[in-house]
Amino acid sequence: MTTLTREPLTATDRCDRCGSQAYVRVELNTGELFFCGHHARALHDAYTHVAVHVQDETDRLMREHGNIKQPVAA
């Protein structure tokens, strides 16, 4: 498995599990899978040993959205 960066993922790339914006592309011998940050972390152990290439752009989440604070309940 390699971790070289290829073409950047865009807002049109969607998570195959939930439909959110994809930040991880997993290339397999048989095709590609796209995951949001949540599902990429949750499924990491399942795909890493069969992936040909993993493009992980989850670092963009912090750059694009920053430290989002949750509202405090009154």
Protein backbone atom coordinates (compact mmCIF):
# COMPACT_ATOMS: atom_id res chain seq x y z
CA MET A 1 0.00 0.00 0.00
CA THR A 2 1.25 3.50 -0.82
CA THR A 3 0.12 6.84 0.51
CA LEU A 4 1.03 9.11 -2.42
CA THR A 5 -1.33 11.99 -3.12
CA ARG A 6 -3.20 11.98 -6.42
CA GLU A 7 -5.80 14.42 -7.74
CA PRO A 8 -7.38 16.25 -4.79
CA LEU A 9 -10.80 15.12 -3.66
CA THR A 10 -13.59 17.62 -4.30
CA ALA A 11 -16.99 18.40 -2.82
CA THR A 12 -18.56 16.13 -5.45
CA ASP A 13 -16.71 13.09 -4.04
CA ARG A 14 -19.11 11.51 -1.54
CA CYS A 15 -18.73 8.91 1.19
CA ASP A 16 -19.91 5.49 0.05
CA ARG A 17 -21.36 4.81 3.51
CA CYS A 18 -23.28 7.98 4.37
CA GLY A 19 -23.10 10.43 1.46
CA SER A 20 -21.10 13.11 3.31
CA GLN A 21 -18.14 14.77 1.62
CA ALA A 22 -15.34 12.27 1.12
CA TYR A 23 -11.89 13.04 2.48
CA VAL A 24 -10.39 9.58 1.91
CA ARG A 25 -10.10 7.63 -1.35
CA VAL A 26 -9.22 3.94 -1.06
CA GLU A 27 -8.04 2.37 -4.30
CA LEU A 28 -8.48 -1.37 -4.58
CA ASN A 29 -7.59 -3.76 -7.39
CA THR A 30 -11.30 -3.83 -8.25
CA GLY A 31 -12.16 -0.12 -7.97
CA GLU A 32 -12.35 2.77 -5.51
CA LEU A 33 -14.10 3.49 -2.25
CA PHE A 34 -14.68 6.97 -0.82
CA PHE A 35 -15.14 7.74 2.87
CA CYS A 36 -15.83 10.73 5.06
CA GLY A 37 -13.43 11.21 7.97
CA HIS A 38 -15.70 9.35 10.39
CA HIS A 39 -16.12 6.25 8.25
CA ALA A 40 -12.47 6.26 7.16
CA ARG A 41 -11.46 6.00 10.83
CA ALA A 42 -14.15 3.45 11.65
CA LEU A 43 -13.24 1.18 8.71
CA HIS A 44 -9.47 1.76 8.64
CA ASP A 45 -8.53 -1.75 9.76
CA ALA A 46 -10.86 -3.32 7.18
CA TYR A 47 -9.36 -1.60 4.13
CA THR A 48 -5.68 -0.99 4.87
CA HIS A 49 -4.53 -4.55 4.22
CA VAL A 50 -6.33 -4.77 0.83
CA ALA A 51 -5.78 -1.22 -0.43
CA VAL A 52 -3.47 -0.54 -3.34
CA HIS A 53 -3.38 3.17 -2.46
CA VAL A 54 -4.97 5.35 0.23
CA GLN A 55 -5.40 9.08 -0.36
CA ASP A 56 -6.12 10.64 3.03
CA GLU A 57 -7.07 14.33 3.02
CA THR A 58 -8.65 14.43 6.48
CA ASP A 59 -6.15 17.13 7.48
CA ARG A 60 -8.26 19.46 5.29
CA LEU A 61 -11.13 19.19 7.78
CA MET A 62 -9.29 21.30 10.37
CA ARG A 63 -7.95 23.74 7.76
CA GLU A 64 -11.37 24.23 6.12
CA HIS A 65 -13.62 24.08 9.15
CA GLY A 66 -11.34 24.89 12.09
CA ASN A 67 -12.07 23.99 15.65
CA ILE A 68 -15.86 23.95 15.64
CA LYS A 69 -17.17 24.40 19.17
CA GLN A 70 -20.42 22.82 20.20
CA PRO A 71 -23.03 25.12 21.82
CA VAL A 72 -23.25 24.86 25.58
CA ALA A 73 -26.60 23.63 26.85
CA ALA A 74 -28.35 26.10 29.14
